[in-house]
Protein backbone atom coordinates (compact mmCIF):
# COMPACT_ATOMS: atom_id res chain seq x y z
CA MET A 1 -66.64 -17.32 13.65
CA GLU A 2 -66.05 -20.63 15.04
CA LYS A 3 -62.35 -20.69 17.12
CA GLN A 4 -60.08 -21.58 14.46
CA TYR A 5 -57.04 -22.46 17.52
CA TYR A 6 -56.67 -23.57 20.85
CA THR A 7 -53.87 -22.45 23.77
CA ILE A 8 -52.58 -24.92 26.39
CA ALA A 9 -54.90 -24.03 29.08
CA GLU A 10 -57.69 -23.84 26.52
CA LEU A 11 -57.43 -27.17 25.97
CA ASP A 12 -56.83 -28.16 29.60
CA LYS A 13 -60.05 -27.16 30.35
CA ILE A 14 -62.05 -28.46 27.53
CA GLY A 15 -60.12 -31.65 27.71
CA PRO A 16 -59.63 -34.97 27.37
CA LEU A 17 -56.05 -34.38 28.67
CA SER A 18 -54.41 -32.76 31.22
CA ARG A 19 -52.04 -29.96 30.79
CA SER A 20 -49.30 -31.96 31.34
CA SER A 21 -50.30 -34.45 28.59
CA TRP A 22 -50.73 -32.09 25.85
CA PHE A 23 -47.51 -31.14 26.65
CA ASN A 24 -46.64 -34.87 26.30
CA ALA A 25 -48.57 -35.58 23.21
CA ILE A 26 -46.77 -32.41 21.02
CA ARG A 27 -43.44 -33.80 22.53
CA ASP A 28 -44.29 -37.65 21.00
CA GLY A 29 -45.18 -35.97 18.45
CA LEU A 30 -48.70 -37.33 18.44
CA ILE A 31 -49.93 -33.50 17.71
CA VAL A 32 -49.02 -30.73 16.21
CA ALA A 33 -48.68 -27.31 17.93
CA ARG A 34 -47.55 -23.70 16.91
CA LYS A 35 -45.66 -21.24 18.53
CA ALA A 36 -47.61 -17.21 18.67
CA GLY A 37 -45.26 -15.40 20.48
CA ARG A 38 -44.33 -17.48 24.35
CA ARG A 39 -48.02 -19.22 23.51
CA THR A 40 -48.26 -23.03 22.53
CA ILE A 41 -51.20 -22.97 20.14
CA VAL A 42 -52.75 -25.52 18.52
CA MET A 43 -55.22 -25.26 15.22
CA ARG A 44 -58.43 -26.09 15.44
CA GLU A 45 -57.71 -29.21 12.36
CA ASP A 46 -55.21 -30.05 14.62
CA TYR A 47 -56.99 -30.70 17.72
CA ASP A 48 -59.48 -32.94 15.67
CA ARG A 49 -57.50 -34.96 13.94
CA PHE A 50 -55.75 -35.74 16.97
CA LEU A 51 -58.81 -36.91 18.83
CA LYS A 52 -60.26 -38.92 15.19
CA SER A 53 -56.74 -40.38 15.60
CA ARG A 54 -57.50 -42.04 19.26
CA PRO A 55 -58.42 -46.12 19.29
CA ALA A 56 -62.13 -46.50 19.58
CA ILE A 57 -63.66 -48.46 22.06
CA ARG A 58 -65.83 -51.57 21.09
CA PRO A 59 -68.48 -53.04 23.08
CA ARG A 60 -67.19 -56.93 23.93
CA ALA A 61 -69.31 -59.33 22.85
CA PRO A 62 -71.11 -61.20 25.40
CA SER A 63 -70.15 -64.16 26.65
CA HIS A 64 -72.44 -67.19 27.48
């Protein structure tokens, strides 16, 4: 069974952000988090949505 949620500690390990950057993203409304007791968790679909919302890096056209 696929994991349905991540704790902030797990997100810190899998990336792409650091622990403090995850909390900043939550504070800034970039990702939805929930409380489960004392833990802050992020649902898998919210994590995926956050990653997909990040800007894509496009290669520059070669300059001649």
